[in-house]
Every structure is written in structure tokens, then in C-alpha cells.
Amino acid sequence: MTSERRVALVTGAAGGIGRAVASRLRDDGLDVLAVDLRPDPQGPGTAFQADLTTREGNAGAVAAALERFGRLDVVVANAGIQHVAPIRDFPEERWDQILALLLTSPFLLAKHAWSALAERGDGHFVAIASAHALVASPYKAAYVSAKHGVLGLVRTLALEGGEAGILATAVCPGFVRTPLVESQVADQAKAHGVDPERVLDDVILQPHAVKRLIEPEEVAATVAFLIGPGGRAFTGVPVTMDLGWTAR
């Protein structure tokens, strides 16, 4: 049976930004397929397990949303991983994994969801792209490359989707209070040669003009705005919420 409500597919939905987005969209009245490698059956939305580093995982997630709800109006490509290391030591297998999840997965999700997003003339594709889609940091070669690439993908999707009414945007937050950021502390300390207790102030928050972490719920609110009536003029652009990082 086709849902009478709008339907969103959110990746990386078991924690961090993805969980906050899934929760916000559910509270706003959308049906949500909450996709994760390790889904939380108690989390917001309908949990679905998928390995998004594979072609089959991405195709299967879109197919599951359509099978479960009969429609798909919003895709939020959020799933992410990180690895911090100098380029000479950067593991090639980690490069492949990060590019697969952060760049190839959004492409595949868009590809498989395209017809459904175009069906009602107001589909939305949102990539959680990070301020690293606009600027670089040392020791994050794969992450920065992937995020720059996903912004290019979003711009292309906006041009291709305009006639069909598909809007594509890239939300670009600075550092957000998530397990992904917290898990970087030891690697950042090693790479930068600083005490782990100083990593938050001296490394992570250093580029922010306002010295705080962004909360996941703030990112979720931005996504909710973009897929709502107020976001109709946004497409093909980075939506930057970086506490002044890129103002430098």
C-alpha cells in the first residue's frame, strides 16, 4: 500500500546526525526508512540493514523503501566514516572504503531513487557533506576528497533534476557532536603531535569562529527546512552551517 505521507530514506540512521534527522523527519510526519550497517530496531523510523559500501546495499535500501511505503520523496545521504593519517601512511583499503560510503553511495542512492523522486515533481536529495566539501584539513585525504566530490554530485543532480522538480542540496556543517568526531581524538592527537586532552580546543574547534560543537539536532533542523516549504529555492548549493569556519 502506498503511504499517504511523504517518505524519507535516511542513511547512517542508527546514531549521530542520521538518528537526529530520522527522528526530526518522523516527528514532522514523514515515514522514514532508517538505514544503517548496524540498525537500531528501537530507533526512529523503520530500521533497515544495508552495507552501503556495496552496490547491492544501496539498490536494496531504495527497493526496501519503495516496497515498504510505495513511494519515496526524500533521500538523505548521511552515512559516514573517517580515518586520520598522513598521506604517506594512509591505508589504501581505507581510501577505498571511505570513497565507497561517502561518494559512491550517494551516487547509487540517487540513481536508484531518481524515478521515484521525480514521480510527484517535488523530490528532495540531501547529502550531509560537511564543511570539508568546501575546505581541506591535513591528514584526511579520503574524507576531504569524498566530500568535495559529493558537492559536485549534488550540483549535477540539481541540473539534471530541475525539470522534474527534484531539488538537491549539500548540508555542510562544521564539527558536530557525534561518535564520528569523538572517535577521532586519539588519531588527531597522534597526527598533530598534541596531547589528547587538547585535541578538542587546539585541533577540532580551531577553525570554528564560535568555539563549540554543533549539535546533531541543529543539522536535522536544517534538513527539515530544506525539504519543507521554506527550502524550495535551494538546489545545487552547499548549505553552510559551520560556525564561521569558511569565513576565513
Protein backbone atom coordinates (compact mmCIF):
# COMPACT_ATOMS: atom_id res chain seq x y z
CA MET A 1 0.00 0.00 0.00
CA THR A 2 1.30 3.45 -0.87
CA SER A 3 1.83 5.74 2.10
CA GLU A 4 -0.32 8.85 2.21
CA ARG A 5 2.56 10.63 3.92
CA ARG A 6 5.88 11.67 2.44
CA VAL A 7 8.59 9.05 2.75
CA ALA A 8 12.26 9.62 3.54
CA LEU A 9 15.23 7.27 3.31
CA VAL A 10 17.94 8.28 5.79
CA THR A 11 21.34 6.56 5.85
CA GLY A 12 23.58 6.24 8.88
CA ALA A 13 20.38 6.49 10.89
CA ALA A 14 21.37 4.49 13.97
CA GLY A 15 23.35 7.32 15.56
CA GLY A 16 24.68 10.87 15.37
CA ILE A 17 23.35 13.16 12.65
CA GLY A 18 21.43 10.39 10.89
CA ARG A 19 19.48 9.44 14.00
CA ALA A 20 18.66 13.09 14.68
CA VAL A 21 17.48 13.56 11.09
CA ALA A 22 15.37 10.40 11.15
CA SER A 23 13.81 11.49 14.45
CA ARG A 24 13.06 15.02 13.23
CA LEU A 25 11.52 13.87 9.95
CA ARG A 26 9.41 11.25 11.74
CA ASP A 27 8.21 13.91 14.18
CA ASP A 28 7.39 16.15 11.20
CA GLY A 29 5.04 13.47 9.89
CA LEU A 30 7.17 11.59 7.36
CA ASP A 31 7.51 7.84 7.15
CA VAL A 32 11.23 7.06 7.50
CA LEU A 33 13.33 4.10 6.40
CA ALA A 34 16.27 4.27 8.82
CA VAL A 35 19.19 2.59 7.04
CA ASP A 36 22.39 1.57 8.79
CA LEU A 37 25.03 -1.14 8.74
CA ARG A 38 24.01 -1.85 12.35
CA PRO A 39 20.42 -0.59 12.53
CA ASP A 40 18.70 0.12 15.83
CA PRO A 41 15.27 -1.52 15.97
CA GLN A 42 14.37 0.85 18.81
CA GLY A 43 15.43 3.96 16.90
CA PRO A 44 13.24 6.38 14.97
CA GLY A 45 11.68 5.10 11.76
CA THR A 46 11.66 1.62 10.24
CA ALA A 47 15.10 0.06 10.71
CA PHE A 48 16.78 -1.50 7.68
CA GLN A 49 20.18 -3.13 7.47
CA ALA A 50 22.41 -2.41 4.47
CA ASP A 51 26.10 -2.29 3.67
CA LEU A 52 26.25 0.94 1.70
CA THR A 53 29.81 0.32 0.56
CA THR A 54 28.29 -2.18 -1.89
CA ARG A 55 26.15 -1.64 -4.98
CA GLU A 56 23.66 -4.21 -3.73
CA GLY A 57 23.29 -2.44 -0.39
CA ASN A 58 22.31 0.86 -1.97
CA ALA A 59 19.94 -0.65 -4.50
CA GLY A 60 18.39 -2.78 -1.76
CA ALA A 61 17.78 0.19 0.54
CA VAL A 62 15.87 2.10 -2.15
CA ALA A 63 13.93 -1.02 -3.11
CA ALA A 64 13.02 -1.60 0.55
CA ALA A 65 11.65 1.93 0.92
CA LEU A 66 9.51 1.54 -2.18
CA GLU A 67 8.32 -1.91 -1.16
CA ARG A 68 7.50 -0.86 2.40
CA PHE A 69 5.89 2.51 1.68
CA GLY A 70 5.08 2.54 -2.04
CA ARG A 71 6.79 5.88 -2.64
CA LEU A 72 9.99 7.80 -1.94
CA ASP A 73 10.08 11.58 -1.62
CA VAL A 74 13.31 12.36 0.23
CA VAL A 75 16.77 10.78 0.30
CA VAL A 76 19.20 11.93 3.00
CA ALA A 77 22.67 10.51 2.28
CA ASN A 78 24.36 10.85 5.63
CA ALA A 79 26.30 7.64 6.41
CA GLY A 80 29.96 8.31 7.01
CA ILE A 81 33.27 7.07 8.38
CA GLN A 82 36.61 8.73 8.96
CA HIS A 83 40.31 7.90 9.02
CA VAL A 84 43.04 10.30 10.10
CA ALA A 85 46.59 9.66 8.83
CA PRO A 86 49.34 11.37 6.83
CA ILE A 87 49.14 10.74 3.10
CA ARG A 88 52.30 8.60 3.05
CA ASP A 89 50.78 6.28 5.67
CA PHE A 90 47.15 6.39 4.54
CA PRO A 91 45.90 2.81 4.06
CA GLU A 92 44.69 2.24 0.52
CA GLU A 93 41.88 -0.01 1.68
CA ARG A 94 40.58 2.79 3.94
CA TRP A 95 40.64 5.17 0.96
CA ASP A 96 38.50 2.71 -1.00
CA GLN A 97 36.08 2.22 1.89
CA ILE A 98 35.63 5.93 2.59
CA LEU A 99 35.11 6.83 -1.07
CA ALA A 100 32.61 3.98 -1.42
CA LEU A 101 30.50 5.13 1.51
CA LEU A 102 30.80 8.91 1.23
CA LEU A 103 30.73 9.38 -2.56
CA THR A 104 29.70 6.26 -4.44
CA SER A 105 26.80 5.51 -2.09
CA PRO A 106 25.13 8.93 -2.62
CA PHE A 107 25.52 8.44 -6.38
CA LEU A 108 23.93 5.00 -6.23
CA LEU A 109 21.11 6.16 -3.96
CA ALA A 110 20.32 9.00 -6.35
CA LYS A 111 20.49 6.68 -9.36
CA HIS A 112 18.12 4.10 -7.94
CA ALA A 113 15.76 6.64 -6.33
CA TRP A 114 15.65 9.01 -9.31
CA SER A 115 12.38 7.83 -10.88
CA ALA A 116 10.60 7.79 -7.53
CA LEU A 117 11.87 11.27 -6.61
CA ALA A 118 10.64 12.60 -9.95
CA GLU A 119 7.24 10.94 -9.76
CA ARG A 120 5.48 13.67 -7.76
CA GLY A 121 7.51 16.59 -9.04
CA ASP A 122 8.91 17.64 -5.67
CA GLY A 123 11.56 15.12 -4.69
CA HIS A 124 14.49 16.06 -2.49
CA PHE A 125 18.04 14.71 -2.36
CA VAL A 126 20.09 15.95 0.60
CA ALA A 127 23.72 14.98 1.17
CA ILE A 128 25.32 15.66 4.54
CA ALA A 129 28.53 16.94 3.04
CA SER A 130 30.47 18.71 5.83
CA ALA A 131 32.48 21.92 5.71
CA HIS A 132 35.15 19.64 4.25
CA ALA A 133 33.24 19.84 0.98
CA LEU A 134 34.50 23.44 0.82
CA VAL A 135 37.85 23.42 2.62
CA ALA A 136 40.56 20.91 3.43
CA SER A 137 42.28 19.74 6.57
CA PRO A 138 45.52 17.78 6.79
CA TYR A 139 45.52 14.02 7.39
CA LYS A 140 42.02 13.49 5.96
CA ALA A 141 42.77 12.82 2.29
CA ALA A 142 39.92 10.39 1.64
CA TYR A 143 37.26 12.23 3.62
CA VAL A 144 38.03 15.64 2.10
CA SER A 145 38.22 14.20 -1.42
CA ALA A 146 34.89 12.39 -1.00
CA LYS A 147 33.12 15.42 0.45
CA HIS A 148 34.39 17.68 -2.35
CA GLY A 149 33.14 15.06 -4.78
CA VAL A 150 29.68 14.80 -3.22
CA LEU A 151 29.21 18.54 -3.60
CA GLY A 152 29.97 18.15 -7.30
CA LEU A 153 27.46 15.30 -7.43
CA VAL A 154 24.77 17.44 -5.78
CA ARG A 155 25.35 20.24 -8.27
CA THR A 156 25.00 17.78 -11.14
CA LEU A 157 21.83 16.27 -9.64
CA ALA A 158 20.33 19.73 -9.32
CA LEU A 159 20.91 20.47 -13.01
CA GLU A 160 19.60 17.10 -14.15
CA GLY A 161 16.66 17.13 -11.77
CA GLY A 162 15.44 20.68 -12.24
CA GLU A 163 12.93 19.91 -14.97
CA ALA A 164 11.50 17.03 -12.94
CA GLY A 165 11.22 19.16 -9.80
CA ILE A 166 13.98 17.34 -7.92
CA LEU A 167 15.92 19.60 -5.55
CA ALA A 168 19.43 18.58 -4.47
CA THR A 169 21.41 20.25 -1.71
CA ALA A 170 24.54 19.58 0.34
CA VAL A 171 24.37 20.44 4.03
CA CYS A 172 27.86 21.47 5.13
CA PRO A 173 28.22 21.61 8.92
CA GLY A 174 31.40 22.18 10.84
CA PHE A 175 32.29 19.73 13.58
CA VAL A 176 29.20 18.09 15.06
CA ARG A 177 28.93 16.36 18.42
CA THR A 178 28.83 12.77 17.11
CA PRO A 179 30.64 9.48 17.77
CA LEU A 180 32.47 10.03 14.46
CA VAL A 181 34.08 13.21 15.81
CA GLU A 182 34.72 11.78 19.26
CA SER A 183 36.43 8.71 17.78
CA GLN A 184 38.99 10.92 16.03
CA VAL A 185 40.61 12.25 19.21
CA ALA A 186 43.39 9.67 19.53
CA ASP A 187 44.28 9.75 15.82
CA GLN A 188 44.19 13.54 15.73
CA ALA A 189 46.47 13.72 18.76
CA LYS A 190 48.95 11.38 17.10
CA ALA A 191 48.85 13.09 13.70
CA HIS A 192 49.18 16.62 15.12
CA GLY A 193 51.53 15.76 17.98
CA VAL A 194 49.32 17.21 20.70
CA ASP A 195 48.00 15.89 23.98
CA PRO A 196 44.63 14.12 23.56
CA GLU A 197 43.11 16.44 26.16
CA ARG A 198 43.99 19.40 23.92
CA VAL A 199 42.59 17.97 20.67
CA LEU A 200 39.11 19.47 21.04
CA ASP A 201 40.34 23.03 21.59
CA ASP A 202 43.58 23.00 19.59
CA VAL A 203 42.55 20.91 16.56
CA ILE A 204 38.83 20.20 16.23
CA LEU A 205 37.44 23.59 17.24
CA GLN A 206 40.40 25.58 15.94
CA PRO A 207 38.76 26.51 12.59
CA HIS A 208 35.41 27.49 14.18
CA ALA A 209 34.98 31.21 14.85
CA VAL A 210 32.45 30.19 17.51
CA LYS A 211 34.21 27.64 19.70
CA ARG A 212 31.61 24.96 20.20
CA LEU A 213 30.45 21.74 18.61
CA ILE A 214 27.28 21.80 16.53
CA GLU A 215 24.51 19.59 17.86
CA PRO A 216 23.03 16.86 15.62
CA GLU A 217 19.57 18.34 16.13
CA GLU A 218 20.75 21.57 14.53
CA VAL A 219 21.70 19.70 11.37
CA ALA A 220 18.38 17.85 11.46
CA ALA A 221 16.53 21.17 11.66
CA THR A 222 18.38 22.38 8.56
CA VAL A 223 17.41 19.23 6.66
CA ALA A 224 13.78 19.67 7.75
CA PHE A 225 13.85 23.26 6.49
CA LEU A 226 15.33 22.27 3.13
CA ILE A 227 12.68 19.63 2.41
CA GLY A 228 9.89 21.91 3.60
CA PRO A 229 8.15 24.92 2.03
CA GLY A 230 10.98 27.28 3.02
CA GLY A 231 13.58 25.27 1.13
CA ARG A 232 12.02 25.37 -2.32
CA ALA A 233 14.58 27.85 -3.70
CA PHE A 234 17.59 25.81 -2.59
CA THR A 235 19.15 23.46 -5.12
CA GLY A 236 22.65 22.77 -6.40
CA VAL A 237 24.24 24.60 -3.49
CA PRO A 238 26.17 23.96 -0.29
CA VAL A 239 24.10 24.99 2.73
CA THR A 240 26.86 26.01 5.09
CA MET A 241 26.40 25.87 8.86
CA ASP A 242 29.99 25.92 10.07
CA LEU A 243 30.17 28.48 12.91
CA GLY A 244 32.38 30.73 10.80
CA TRP A 245 34.89 28.12 9.59
CA THR A 246 34.79 29.11 5.90
CA ALA A 247 34.63 32.85 6.64
CA ARG A 248 38.43 32.89 6.96
